[in-house]
C-alpha atoms as a PDB file:
ATOM      1  CA  MET A   1      -4.822  25.118 -28.673  1.00  0.00           C
ATOM      2  CA  PHE A   2      -6.670  22.240 -30.322  1.00  0.00           C
ATOM      3  CA  PHE A   3      -3.706  20.222 -31.578  1.00  0.00           C
ATOM      4  CA  GLU A   4      -1.601  20.692 -28.464  1.00  0.00           C
ATOM      5  CA  ASP A   5      -4.510  19.337 -26.424  1.00  0.00           C
ATOM      6  CA  LEU A   6      -4.927  16.529 -28.960  1.00  0.00           C
ATOM      7  CA  VAL A   7      -1.352  15.274 -28.723  1.00  0.00           C
ATOM      8  CA  ASN A   8      -1.130  15.762 -24.969  1.00  0.00           C
ATOM      9  CA  SER A   9      -4.218  13.595 -24.463  1.00  0.00           C
ATOM     10  CA  ALA A  10      -3.010  10.898 -26.889  1.00  0.00           C
ATOM     11  CA  ARG A  11      -1.494   7.715 -25.498  1.00  0.00           C
ATOM     12  CA  GLY A  12       2.216   8.251 -25.037  1.00  0.00           C
ATOM     13  CA  GLY A  13       1.975  11.846 -26.227  1.00  0.00           C
ATOM     14  CA  VAL A  14       1.994  10.947 -29.954  1.00  0.00           C
ATOM     15  CA  TYR A  15      -1.102  11.012 -32.170  1.00  0.00           C
ATOM     16  CA  PHE A  16      -1.003   8.285 -34.826  1.00  0.00           C
ATOM     17  CA  ILE A  17      -3.027   8.635 -38.020  1.00  0.00           C
ATOM     18  CA  ALA A  18      -3.381   5.507 -40.144  1.00  0.00           C
ATOM     19  CA  GLU A  19      -3.692   6.844 -43.684  1.00  0.00           C
ATOM     20  CA  ALA A  20      -6.025   4.384 -45.419  1.00  0.00           C
ATOM     21  CA  CYS A  21      -6.111   6.679 -48.489  1.00  0.00           C
ATOM     22  CA  ASP A  22      -7.418   4.652 -51.447  1.00  0.00           C
ATOM     23  CA  ASN A  23      -5.918   1.346 -50.316  1.00  0.00           C
ATOM     24  CA  HIS A  24      -9.478   0.026 -50.180  1.00  0.00           C
ATOM     25  CA  MET A  25      -9.382  -0.074 -53.996  1.00  0.00           C
ATOM     26  CA  GLY A  26     -13.033   0.926 -54.151  1.00  0.00           C
ATOM     27  CA  SER A  27     -14.239  -1.859 -51.861  1.00  0.00           C
ATOM     28  CA  PHE A  28     -16.343  -0.750 -48.898  1.00  0.00           C
ATOM     29  CA  GLU A  29     -15.579  -4.040 -47.129  1.00  0.00           C
ATOM     30  CA  TYR A  30     -11.848  -3.398 -47.606  1.00  0.00           C
ATOM     31  CA  ALA A  31     -12.379   0.094 -46.193  1.00  0.00           C
ATOM     32  CA  LYS A  32     -14.045  -1.368 -43.099  1.00  0.00           C
ATOM     33  CA  ALA A  33     -11.205  -3.861 -42.781  1.00  0.00           C
ATOM     34  CA  LEU A  34      -8.737  -0.952 -42.848  1.00  0.00           C
ATOM     35  CA  VAL A  35     -10.684   0.647 -39.991  1.00  0.00           C
ATOM     36  CA  ARG A  36     -10.372  -2.546 -37.936  1.00  0.00           C
ATOM     37  CA  ALA A  37      -6.691  -2.911 -38.828  1.00  0.00           C
ATOM     38  CA  ALA A  38      -5.999   0.672 -37.780  1.00  0.00           C
ATOM     39  CA  LYS A  39      -7.806   0.163 -34.490  1.00  0.00           C
ATOM     40  CA  ASP A  40      -6.012  -3.125 -33.768  1.00  0.00           C
ATOM     41  CA  SER A  41      -2.670  -1.549 -34.681  1.00  0.00           C
ATOM     42  CA  GLY A  42      -3.001   1.140 -32.027  1.00  0.00           C
ATOM     43  CA  ALA A  43      -3.744   4.131 -34.267  1.00  0.00           C
ATOM     44  CA  ASP A  44      -5.688   7.040 -32.810  1.00  0.00           C
ATOM     45  CA  ALA A  45      -7.411   7.786 -36.110  1.00  0.00           C
ATOM     46  CA  VAL A  46      -7.933   6.258 -39.528  1.00  0.00           C
ATOM     47  CA  LYS A  47      -8.036   8.638 -42.478  1.00  0.00           C
ATOM     48  CA  PHE A  48      -9.664   8.221 -45.861  1.00  0.00           C
ATOM     49  CA  GLN A  49      -9.826  10.557 -48.864  1.00  0.00           C
ATOM     50  CA  HIS A  50     -12.879  12.152 -50.459  1.00  0.00           C
ATOM     51  CA  HIS A  51     -12.387  12.551 -54.178  1.00  0.00           C
ATOM     52  CA  LEU A  52     -14.734  14.307 -56.573  1.00  0.00           C
ATOM     53  CA  VAL A  53     -12.353  13.832 -59.424  1.00  0.00           C
ATOM     54  CA  ALA A  54     -13.753  16.437 -61.823  1.00  0.00           C
ATOM     55  CA  GLU A  55     -13.560  19.020 -59.015  1.00  0.00           C
ATOM     56  CA  GLU A  56      -9.873  18.445 -58.275  1.00  0.00           C
ATOM     57  CA  MET A  57      -8.072  17.843 -61.573  1.00  0.00           C
ATOM     58  CA  LEU A  58      -8.276  18.095 -65.330  1.00  0.00           C
ATOM     59  CA  GLU A  59      -8.685  14.836 -67.166  1.00  0.00           C
ATOM     60  CA  SER A  60      -5.514  15.617 -69.106  1.00  0.00           C
ATOM     61  CA  CYS A  61      -3.482  16.282 -65.931  1.00  0.00           C
ATOM     62  CA  GLU A  62       0.046  14.887 -66.233  1.00  0.00           C
ATOM     63  CA  MET A  63       0.949  12.313 -63.574  1.00  0.00           C
ATOM     64  CA  SER A  64       4.153  11.552 -61.649  1.00  0.00           C
ATOM     65  CA  ASP A  65       5.823   8.192 -62.229  1.00  0.00           C
ATOM     66  CA  ASN A  66       4.350   6.440 -59.169  1.00  0.00           C
ATOM     67  CA  PHE A  67       1.025   5.961 -60.984  1.00  0.00           C
ATOM     68  CA  GLU A  68       0.538   2.931 -63.227  1.00  0.00           C
ATOM     69  CA  THR A  69      -2.996   4.048 -64.086  1.00  0.00           C
ATOM     70  CA  HIS A  70      -3.862   7.688 -64.642  1.00  0.00           C
ATOM     71  CA  LEU A  71      -5.180   8.994 -61.313  1.00  0.00           C
ATOM     72  CA  TYR A  72      -8.257  10.501 -62.955  1.00  0.00           C
ATOM     73  CA  ASP A  73      -9.301   7.089 -64.236  1.00  0.00           C
ATOM     74  CA  PHE A  74      -8.310   5.333 -61.020  1.00  0.00           C
ATOM     75  CA  LEU A  75     -10.423   7.662 -58.892  1.00  0.00           C
ATOM     76  CA  LEU A  76     -13.426   7.442 -61.198  1.00  0.00           C
ATOM     77  CA  GLU A  77     -13.381   3.706 -60.610  1.00  0.00           C
ATOM     78  CA  ASN A  78     -12.276   3.477 -56.967  1.00  0.00           C
ATOM     79  CA  ALA A  79     -13.223   6.637 -55.053  1.00  0.00           C
ATOM     80  CA  LEU A  80     -15.704   6.128 -52.223  1.00  0.00           C
ATOM     81  CA  SER A  81     -19.081   7.860 -52.397  1.00  0.00           C
ATOM     82  CA  LEU A  82     -20.278  10.354 -49.825  1.00  0.00           C
ATOM     83  CA  ALA A  83     -22.776   7.777 -48.572  1.00  0.00           C
ATOM     84  CA  GLN A  84     -19.925   5.334 -48.010  1.00  0.00           C
ATOM     85  CA  HIS A  85     -17.926   7.978 -46.115  1.00  0.00           C
ATOM     86  CA  LYS A  86     -20.906   8.580 -43.856  1.00  0.00           C
ATOM     87  CA  ALA A  87     -21.209   4.854 -43.255  1.00  0.00           C
ATOM     88  CA  LEU A  88     -17.482   4.649 -42.513  1.00  0.00           C
ATOM     89  CA  LYS A  89     -17.827   7.437 -39.961  1.00  0.00           C
ATOM     90  CA  GLU A  90     -20.539   5.424 -38.194  1.00  0.00           C
ATOM     91  CA  TYR A  91     -18.403   2.294 -38.377  1.00  0.00           C
ATOM     92  CA  CYS A  92     -15.408   4.142 -36.892  1.00  0.00           C
ATOM     93  CA  ASP A  93     -17.615   5.317 -34.039  1.00  0.00           C
ATOM     94  CA  GLU A  94     -18.607   1.701 -33.400  1.00  0.00           C
ATOM     95  CA  GLN A  95     -14.956   0.633 -33.453  1.00  0.00           C
ATOM     96  CA  LYS A  96     -13.997   3.554 -31.178  1.00  0.00           C
ATOM     97  CA  ILE A  97     -11.444   5.072 -33.514  1.00  0.00           C
ATOM     98  CA  THR A  98     -11.565   8.607 -34.933  1.00  0.00           C
ATOM     99  CA  TYR A  99     -12.681   8.908 -38.552  1.00  0.00           C
ATOM    100  CA  LEU A 100     -10.728  11.431 -40.612  1.00  0.00           C
ATOM    101  CA  CYS A 101     -10.883  12.326 -44.268  1.00  0.00           C
ATOM    102  CA  THR A 102      -8.872  14.525 -46.613  1.00  0.00           C
ATOM    103  CA  PRO A 103     -10.982  16.561 -49.049  1.00  0.00           C
ATOM    104  CA  PHE A 104      -9.252  17.232 -52.361  1.00  0.00           C
ATOM    105  CA  SER A 105     -11.635  19.981 -53.442  1.00  0.00           C
ATOM    106  CA  TRP A 106     -13.761  22.670 -51.887  1.00  0.00           C
ATOM    107  CA  LYS A 107     -16.940  20.775 -52.688  1.00  0.00           C
ATOM    108  CA  ALA A 108     -15.517  17.639 -51.070  1.00  0.00           C
ATOM    109  CA  ALA A 109     -14.662  19.663 -47.959  1.00  0.00           C
ATOM    110  CA  THR A 110     -18.206  20.957 -47.592  1.00  0.00           C
ATOM    111  CA  GLU A 111     -19.577  17.433 -47.968  1.00  0.00           C
ATOM    112  CA  ILE A 112     -17.455  15.872 -45.204  1.00  0.00           C
ATOM    113  CA  SER A 113     -17.165  18.850 -42.862  1.00  0.00           C
ATOM    114  CA  ASP A 114     -19.728  17.477 -40.420  1.00  0.00           C
ATOM    115  CA  LEU A 115     -18.022  14.083 -40.354  1.00  0.00           C
ATOM    116  CA  VAL A 116     -14.558  15.085 -39.144  1.00  0.00           C
ATOM    117  CA  PRO A 117     -13.219  16.837 -36.006  1.00  0.00           C
ATOM    118  CA  PHE A 118     -10.552  18.523 -38.144  1.00  0.00           C
ATOM    119  CA  PHE A 119      -9.321  18.567 -41.715  1.00  0.00           C
ATOM    120  CA  LYS A 120      -6.101  17.007 -42.957  1.00  0.00           C
ATOM    121  CA  ILE A 121      -4.863  18.789 -46.083  1.00  0.00           C
ATOM    122  CA  GLY A 122      -2.197  17.288 -48.329  1.00  0.00           C
ATOM    123  CA  SER A 123       0.981  18.899 -49.581  1.00  0.00           C
ATOM    124  CA  GLY A 124      -0.522  19.636 -52.999  1.00  0.00           C
ATOM    125  CA  GLU A 125      -2.983  22.047 -51.403  1.00  0.00           C
ATOM    126  CA  PHE A 126      -0.522  23.533 -48.860  1.00  0.00           C
ATOM    127  CA  SER A 127      -0.145  26.730 -50.907  1.00  0.00           C
ATOM    128  CA  ASP A 128      -3.617  26.787 -52.480  1.00  0.00           C
ATOM    129  CA  TYR A 129      -4.816  29.994 -50.849  1.00  0.00           C
ATOM    130  CA  TRP A 130      -8.075  29.975 -52.855  1.00  0.00           C
ATOM    131  CA  PHE A 131      -8.922  26.615 -51.292  1.00  0.00           C
ATOM    132  CA  ILE A 132      -7.601  27.477 -47.836  1.00  0.00           C
ATOM    133  CA  ASP A 133      -9.479  30.789 -47.683  1.00  0.00           C
ATOM    134  CA  LYS A 134     -12.674  28.856 -48.250  1.00  0.00           C
ATOM    135  CA  LEU A 135     -11.720  26.181 -45.700  1.00  0.00           C
ATOM    136  CA  ALA A 136     -11.194  28.904 -43.106  1.00  0.00           C
ATOM    137  CA  ASN A 137     -14.901  29.728 -43.362  1.00  0.00           C
ATOM    138  CA  LEU A 138     -15.745  26.236 -42.107  1.00  0.00           C
ATOM    139  CA  ARG A 139     -14.056  27.049 -38.797  1.00  0.00           C
ATOM    140  CA  LYS A 140     -12.362  23.699 -38.291  1.00  0.00           C
ATOM    141  CA  PRO A 141      -8.788  23.002 -37.154  1.00  0.00           C
ATOM    142  CA  ILE A 142      -6.495  21.911 -39.991  1.00  0.00           C
ATOM    143  CA  ILE A 143      -3.401  19.728 -40.285  1.00  0.00           C
ATOM    144  CA  PHE A 144      -1.224  20.671 -43.266  1.00  0.00           C
ATOM    145  CA  SER A 145       1.444  18.507 -44.872  1.00  0.00           C
ATOM    146  CA  THR A 146       4.400  20.585 -46.050  1.00  0.00           C
ATOM    147  CA  GLY A 147       5.968  18.525 -48.857  1.00  0.00           C
ATOM    148  CA  MET A 148       7.284  20.207 -52.013  1.00  0.00           C
ATOM    149  CA  SER A 149       7.777  23.565 -50.278  1.00  0.00           C
ATOM    150  CA  SER A 150      10.868  25.608 -49.559  1.00  0.00           C
ATOM    151  CA  GLU A 151      11.446  27.147 -46.152  1.00  0.00           C
ATOM    152  CA  ASP A 152      10.529  30.601 -47.479  1.00  0.00           C
ATOM    153  CA  GLU A 153       7.208  29.235 -48.743  1.00  0.00           C
ATOM    154  CA  LEU A 154       6.634  27.357 -45.514  1.00  0.00           C
ATOM    155  CA  VAL A 155       7.220  30.446 -43.383  1.00  0.00           C
ATOM    156  CA  ALA A 156       4.986  32.540 -45.646  1.00  0.00           C
ATOM    157  CA  ASN A 157       2.202  29.951 -45.472  1.00  0.00           C
ATOM    158  CA  HIS A 158       2.470  29.729 -41.699  1.00  0.00           C
ATOM    159  CA  LYS A 159       2.048  33.493 -41.429  1.00  0.00           C
ATOM    160  CA  TYR A 160      -0.867  33.392 -43.885  1.00  0.00           C
ATOM    161  CA  PHE A 161      -2.676  30.728 -41.854  1.00  0.00           C
ATOM    162  CA  GLN A 162      -2.131  32.690 -38.655  1.00  0.00           C
ATOM    163  CA  ASN A 163      -3.596  35.821 -40.240  1.00  0.00           C
ATOM    164  CA  LEU A 164      -6.660  33.808 -41.243  1.00  0.00           C
ATOM    165  CA  GLY A 165      -7.137  32.864 -37.609  1.00  0.00           C
ATOM    166  CA  LEU A 166      -6.751  29.151 -38.305  1.00  0.00           C
ATOM    167  CA  ASP A 167      -6.028  26.653 -35.561  1.00  0.00           C
ATOM    168  CA  PHE A 168      -3.519  24.501 -37.411  1.00  0.00           C
ATOM    169  CA  SER A 169      -0.699  22.004 -37.195  1.00  0.00           C
ATOM    170  CA  MET A 170       2.022  21.241 -39.751  1.00  0.00           C
ATOM    171  CA  LEU A 171       3.556  17.925 -40.723  1.00  0.00           C
ATOM    172  CA  ASN A 172       7.084  17.674 -42.012  1.00  0.00           C
ATOM    173  CA  CYS A 173       6.799  15.804 -45.302  1.00  0.00           C
ATOM    174  CA  LEU A 174       8.761  14.693 -48.346  1.00  0.00           C
ATOM    175  CA  SER A 175       6.580  14.174 -51.431  1.00  0.00           C
ATOM    176  CA  GLU A 176       8.516  11.323 -52.997  1.00  0.00           C
ATOM    177  CA  TYR A 177       6.736   8.008 -53.535  1.00  0.00           C
ATOM    178  CA  PRO A 178       8.612   6.190 -52.079  1.00  0.00           C
ATOM    179  CA  PRO A 179      11.321   8.572 -50.857  1.00  0.00           C
ATOM    180  CA  ILE A 180      15.062   8.179 -51.074  1.00  0.00           C
ATOM    181  CA  TYR A 181      16.281   7.981 -47.486  1.00  0.00           C
ATOM    182  CA  THR A 182      19.009  10.541 -48.018  1.00  0.00           C
ATOM    183  CA  ASP A 183      16.295  13.021 -49.092  1.00  0.00           C
ATOM    184  CA  LEU A 184      14.258  12.662 -45.885  1.00  0.00           C
ATOM    185  CA  ASN A 185      16.190  15.353 -44.007  1.00  0.00           C
ATOM    186  CA  LEU A 186      14.532  14.513 -40.678  1.00  0.00           C
ATOM    187  CA  GLU A 187      16.805  16.958 -38.898  1.00  0.00           C
ATOM    188  CA  TYR A 188      14.518  19.655 -40.325  1.00  0.00           C
ATOM    189  CA  ILE A 189      11.909  18.724 -37.718  1.00  0.00           C
ATOM    190  CA  SER A 190      14.174  20.369 -35.148  1.00  0.00           C
ATOM    191  CA  ARG A 191      14.233  23.454 -37.337  1.00  0.00           C
ATOM    192  CA  LEU A 192      10.421  23.523 -37.556  1.00  0.00           C
ATOM    193  CA  LEU A 193      10.183  23.356 -33.760  1.00  0.00           C
ATOM    194  CA  GLN A 194      12.602  26.267 -33.571  1.00  0.00           C
ATOM    195  CA  LEU A 195      10.777  28.321 -36.210  1.00  0.00           C
ATOM    196  CA  PHE A 196       7.275  27.690 -34.853  1.00  0.00           C
ATOM    197  CA  PRO A 197       7.439  26.928 -31.112  1.00  0.00           C
ATOM    198  CA  GLU A 198       3.695  27.560 -30.689  1.00  0.00           C
ATOM    199  CA  THR A 199       2.684  25.195 -33.510  1.00  0.00           C
ATOM    200  CA  THR A 200       2.254  21.447 -33.067  1.00  0.00           C
ATOM    201  CA  ILE A 201       4.688  19.756 -35.456  1.00  0.00           C
ATOM    202  CA  GLY A 202       4.333  16.251 -36.826  1.00  0.00           C
ATOM    203  CA  HIS A 203       5.592  14.084 -39.655  1.00  0.00           C
ATOM    204  CA  SER A 204       3.874  12.533 -42.671  1.00  0.00           C
ATOM    205  CA  ASP A 205       5.921   9.511 -43.725  1.00  0.00           C
ATOM    206  CA  HIS A 206       5.968   7.902 -47.177  1.00  0.00           C
ATOM    207  CA  THR A 207       8.605   5.220 -46.550  1.00  0.00           C
ATOM    208  CA  ASP A 208       7.686   1.535 -46.586  1.00  0.00           C
ATOM    209  CA  ASP A 209       9.031   0.851 -43.089  1.00  0.00           C
ATOM    210  CA  ILE A 210       8.866   2.423 -39.628  1.00  0.00           C
ATOM    211  CA  ALA A 211      12.426   3.610 -38.968  1.00  0.00           C
ATOM    212  CA  SER A 212      12.028   7.187 -40.198  1.00  0.00           C
ATOM    213  CA  SER A 213       8.810   7.702 -38.219  1.00  0.00           C
ATOM    214  CA  LEU A 214      10.576   6.602 -35.035  1.00  0.00           C
ATOM    215  CA  VAL A 215      13.395   9.056 -35.766  1.00  0.00           C
ATOM    216  CA  ALA A 216      10.802  11.784 -36.376  1.00  0.00           C
ATOM    217  CA  ILE A 217       9.275  11.137 -32.956  1.00  0.00           C
ATOM    218  CA  ALA A 218      12.735  11.277 -31.390  1.00  0.00           C
ATOM    219  CA  LYS A 219      13.222  14.646 -33.111  1.00  0.00           C
ATOM    220  CA  GLY A 220      10.016  15.976 -31.546  1.00  0.00           C
ATOM    221  CA  ALA A 221       7.186  15.096 -33.958  1.00  0.00           C
ATOM    222  CA  ARG A 222       3.904  14.775 -32.030  1.00  0.00           C
ATOM    223  CA  ILE A 223       1.665  13.621 -34.920  1.00  0.00           C
ATOM    224  CA  ILE A 224       2.606  10.720 -37.182  1.00  0.00           C
ATOM    225  CA  GLU A 225       0.708  10.047 -40.390  1.00  0.00           C
ATOM    226  CA  LYS A 226       1.567   6.718 -41.991  1.00  0.00           C
ATOM    227  CA  HIS A 227      -0.056   4.895 -44.921  1.00  0.00           C
ATOM    228  CA  LEU A 228      -1.694   1.595 -44.012  1.00  0.00           C
ATOM    229  CA  THR A 229      -2.484  -1.307 -46.337  1.00  0.00           C
ATOM    230  CA  LEU A 230      -4.081  -4.655 -45.612  1.00  0.00           C
ATOM    231  CA  SER A 231      -1.447  -6.302 -47.796  1.00  0.00           C
ATOM    232  CA  ARG A 232       1.197  -5.205 -50.264  1.00  0.00           C
ATOM    233  CA  PHE A 233      -0.531  -7.509 -52.749  1.00  0.00           C
ATOM    234  CA  VAL A 234      -3.618  -5.281 -52.792  1.00  0.00           C
ATOM    235  CA  GLY A 235      -1.884  -2.839 -55.143  1.00  0.00           C
ATOM    236  CA  GLY A 236      -2.949   0.698 -55.930  1.00  0.00           C
ATOM    237  CA  PRO A 237      -1.036   3.985 -56.271  1.00  0.00           C
ATOM    238  CA  ASP A 238      -0.030   4.038 -52.580  1.00  0.00           C
ATOM    239  CA  ALA A 239       1.119   0.424 -52.227  1.00  0.00           C
ATOM    240  CA  SER A 240       4.812   1.329 -52.355  1.00  0.00           C
ATOM    241  CA  VAL A 241       4.496   3.881 -49.531  1.00  0.00           C
ATOM    242  CA  SER A 242       2.293   1.855 -47.189  1.00  0.00           C
ATOM    243  CA  ILE A 243       3.020  -0.443 -44.269  1.00  0.00           C
ATOM    244  CA  THR A 244       1.146  -3.531 -43.100  1.00  0.00           C
ATOM    245  CA  PRO A 245      -0.968  -3.728 -39.919  1.00  0.00           C
ATOM    246  CA  GLU A 246       1.823  -5.693 -38.228  1.00  0.00           C
ATOM    247  CA  GLN A 247       4.310  -2.920 -39.013  1.00  0.00           C
ATOM    248  CA  PHE A 248       1.885  -0.224 -37.892  1.00  0.00           C
ATOM    249  CA  LYS A 249       1.306  -2.014 -34.604  1.00  0.00           C
ATOM    250  CA  MET A 250       5.050  -2.083 -33.998  1.00  0.00           C
ATOM    251  CA  LEU A 251       5.346   1.589 -34.982  1.00  0.00           C
ATOM    252  CA  ALA A 252       2.639   2.702 -32.561  1.00  0.00           C
ATOM    253  CA  ALA A 253       4.033   0.661 -29.664  1.00  0.00           C
ATOM    254  CA  MET A 254       7.659   1.630 -30.251  1.00  0.00           C
ATOM    255  CA  GLY A 255       6.806   5.240 -31.083  1.00  0.00           C
ATOM    256  CA  ARG A 256       5.066   5.745 -27.761  1.00  0.00           C
ATOM    257  CA  LYS A 257       8.076   4.257 -25.985  1.00  0.00           C
ATOM    258  CA  VAL A 258      10.397   6.579 -27.895  1.00  0.00           C
ATOM    259  CA  ARG A 259       8.328   9.611 -26.921  1.00  0.00           C
ATOM    260  CA  SER A 260       8.212   8.562 -23.262  1.00  0.00           C
ATOM    261  CA  SER A 261      11.991   8.159 -23.251  1.00  0.00           C
ATOM    262  CA  LEU A 262      12.774  11.719 -24.400  1.00  0.00           C
ATOM    263  CA  GLY A 263      12.344  13.431 -21.026  1.00  0.00           C
ATOM    264  CA  GLU A 264      13.730  16.926 -20.598  1.00  0.00           C
ATOM    265  CA  ALA A 265      16.972  18.699 -21.450  1.00  0.00           C
ATOM    266  CA  ASN A 266      18.501  18.270 -18.022  1.00  0.00           C
ATOM    267  CA  LYS A 267      20.576  15.628 -16.270  1.00  0.00           C
ATOM    268  CA  GLN A 268      19.696  14.373 -12.799  1.00  0.00           C
ATOM    269  CA  VAL A 269      19.984  11.175 -10.804  1.00  0.00           C
ATOM    270  CA  ARG A 270      16.641   9.382 -10.925  1.00  0.00           C
ATOM    271  CA  PRO A 271      15.309   7.611  -7.782  1.00  0.00           C
ATOM    272  CA  ARG A 272      15.663   4.136  -9.297  1.00  0.00           C
ATOM    273  CA  GLU A 273      19.129   5.026 -10.591  1.00  0.00           C
ATOM    274  CA  ARG A 274      20.169   6.160  -7.105  1.00  0.00           C
ATOM    275  CA  LYS A 275      19.545   2.656  -5.762  1.00  0.00           C
ATOM    276  CA  VAL A 276      21.967   1.296  -8.369  1.00  0.00           C
ATOM    277  CA  ARG A 277      24.436   4.052  -7.602  1.00  0.00           C
ATOM    278  CA  ASP A 278      24.545   3.033  -3.915  1.00  0.00           C
ATOM    279  CA  TRP A 279      26.170  -0.274  -4.818  1.00  0.00           C
ATOM    280  CA  ALA A 280      27.750   0.440  -8.213  1.00  0.00           C
ATOM    281  CA  TYR A 281      29.796   3.496  -7.159  1.00  0.00           C
ATOM    282  CA  ARG A 282      33.075   2.957  -5.291  1.00  0.00           C
ATOM    283  CA  SER A 283      34.156   4.054  -1.840  1.00  0.00           C
ATOM    284  CA  ILE A 284      37.536   4.469  -0.164  1.00  0.00           C
ATOM    285  CA  VAL A 285      38.723   1.225   1.465  1.00  0.00           C
ATOM    286  CA  SER A 286      41.799   0.382   3.591  1.00  0.00           C
ATOM    287  CA  THR A 287      44.287  -1.994   1.926  1.00  0.00           C
ATOM    288  CA  ARG A 288      45.884  -3.079   5.229  1.00  0.00           C
ATOM    289  CA  HIS A 289      45.408  -2.757   8.980  1.00  0.00           C
ATOM    290  CA  LEU A 290      46.024   0.912   9.863  1.00  0.00           C
ATOM    291  CA  GLU A 291      47.088   1.744  13.411  1.00  0.00           C
ATOM    292  CA  ALA A 292      45.973   4.889  15.218  1.00  0.00           C
ATOM    293  CA  GLY A 293      48.530   7.654  14.804  1.00  0.00           C
ATOM    294  CA  SER A 294      49.948   6.356  11.502  1.00  0.00           C
ATOM    295  CA  ILE A 295      50.157   8.588   8.432  1.00  0.00           C
ATOM    296  CA  ILE A 296      48.181   7.430   5.397  1.00  0.00           C
ATOM    297  CA  VAL A 297      50.127   6.949   2.173  1.00  0.00           C
ATOM    298  CA  SER A 298      48.682   6.167  -1.230  1.00  0.00           C
ATOM    299  CA  GLU A 299      49.365   2.426  -0.859  1.00  0.00           C
ATOM    300  CA  ASP A 300      47.143   2.322   2.262  1.00  0.00           C
ATOM    301  CA  ILE A 301      43.914   2.910   0.360  1.00  0.00           C
ATOM    302  CA  CYS A 302      42.037   1.716  -2.713  1.00  0.00           C
ATOM    303  CA  THR A 303      38.475   1.985  -3.971  1.00  0.00           C
ATOM    304  CA  LYS A 304      35.834  -0.761  -3.968  1.00  0.00           C
ATOM    305  CA  ARG A 305      32.099  -1.209  -4.109  1.00  0.00           C
ATOM    306  CA  PRO A 306      29.628  -0.380  -2.606  1.00  0.00           C
ATOM    307  CA  GLY A 307      29.294   3.365  -2.917  1.00  0.00           C
ATOM    308  CA  THR A 308      27.864   3.887   0.556  1.00  0.00           C
ATOM    309  CA  GLY A 309      31.154   5.097   2.082  1.00  0.00           C
ATOM    310  CA  VAL A 310      33.318   8.103   1.339  1.00  0.00           C
ATOM    311  CA  PRO A 311      33.133   8.644  -2.455  1.00  0.00           C
ATOM    312  CA  SER A 312      36.236   7.465  -4.302  1.00  0.00           C
ATOM    313  CA  LYS A 313      36.652  10.900  -5.892  1.00  0.00           C
ATOM    314  CA  MET A 314      37.688  12.197  -2.433  1.00  0.00           C
ATOM    315  CA  TYR A 315      40.652   9.823  -2.073  1.00  0.00           C
ATOM    316  CA  LYS A 316      43.238  12.656  -2.170  1.00  0.00           C
ATOM    317  CA  GLU A 317      41.821  14.062   1.071  1.00  0.00           C
ATOM    318  CA  PHE A 318      43.043  10.899   2.884  1.00  0.00           C
ATOM    319  CA  ILE A 319      46.656  11.007   1.657  1.00  0.00           C
ATOM    320  CA  GLY A 320      48.991  12.429   4.337  1.00  0.00           C
ATOM    321  CA  LYS A 321      46.303  12.459   7.041  1.00  0.00           C
ATOM    322  CA  THR A 322      46.731  10.889  10.503  1.00  0.00           C
ATOM    323  CA  VAL A 323      44.637   7.872  11.480  1.00  0.00           C
ATOM    324  CA  ALA A 324      42.433   8.628  14.502  1.00  0.00           C
ATOM    325  CA  ARG A 325      41.699   4.993  15.496  1.00  0.00           C
ATOM    326  CA  ASP A 326      42.693   1.510  14.399  1.00  0.00           C
ATOM    327  CA  ILE A 327      41.154   0.556  11.045  1.00  0.00           C
ATOM    328  CA  PRO A 328      40.989  -3.101  10.001  1.00  0.00           C
ATOM    329  CA  GLN A 329      42.115  -4.163   6.542  1.00  0.00           C
ATOM    330  CA  ASN A 330      39.504  -4.050   3.758  1.00  0.00           C
ATOM    331  CA  THR A 331      37.198  -1.646   5.613  1.00  0.00           C
ATOM    332  CA  LEU A 332      35.122   1.246   4.317  1.00  0.00           C
ATOM    333  CA  MET A 333      36.890   4.332   5.628  1.00  0.00           C
ATOM    334  CA  ARG A 334      35.146   7.367   7.097  1.00  0.00           C
ATOM    335  CA  LEU A 335      36.155  11.001   7.427  1.00  0.00           C
ATOM    336  CA  GLU A 336      35.873  10.553  11.201  1.00  0.00           C
ATOM    337  CA  ASP A 337      38.813   8.110  10.946  1.00  0.00           C
ATOM    338  CA  LEU A 338      41.113  11.066  10.223  1.00  0.00           C
ATOM    339  CA  ILE A 339      42.698  13.667  12.423  1.00  0.00           C
END
């Protein structure tokens, strides 16, 4: 499967998408700077958005309260052109980072299809079957964000995508900008892994720090999408849900460590741990000189490091036994010392 191969080949087993969104504020030079920042921060991909505003919303569309300027007007002024997206794709290739782009309309999808290895579709289009049916004809893998959906809707959508023959991944997501931490419900990632064991699960994070993304990785998320801004002073509708390049660099480095630390659901003594065990565990030791033929009582033994002798957990097997040969005080005892 495409996404399973993608995450397995990613450094540390986690695929990081730096969501540049519209944090370029209409500046192509800012957009290029976001590409460089994403690359320097350790992201696997940098993602932009292709907006053809009249294709995706009505001018009178009511906005949520995270927008200071009506999104229709903002996008008319700040959306990148198709020519700029093509130039960004070339620039990403030069910088050796994957260019991604979210299309917010069918027309936008057809225009960028040749530029991206897969589509990333936002939560607003997660249940837009008209749009998704058309996307399926482009025969590209798709990552879906799952914000604003109930579990029943999520399960129904998953089945719908399977029936379309899509190769897809799903990102756990909360569509609050920024979210209240108590609403994040990151434990649900475990539920998604249980519901869809054959689907690559990730997390799209709208907080302004890195903690929740690290928790998501610990819960099993293999794709992390996180908004990136050059500076919180740049502004824009996504400023409150974005992190700086310094934060993203820390997220990528720590996230890969978190993933590498998960291991498997079993407990065993590791080779390096065994070397510590040899000295840190305790062995049975004589507390006084023991003569051959004497009977060992509890006061005759204690336990001390290292752990290279008879394990301390076996001390009861020595009580009441006869000493086979003289044993000096403060000596590691052996089973051969007993009759």
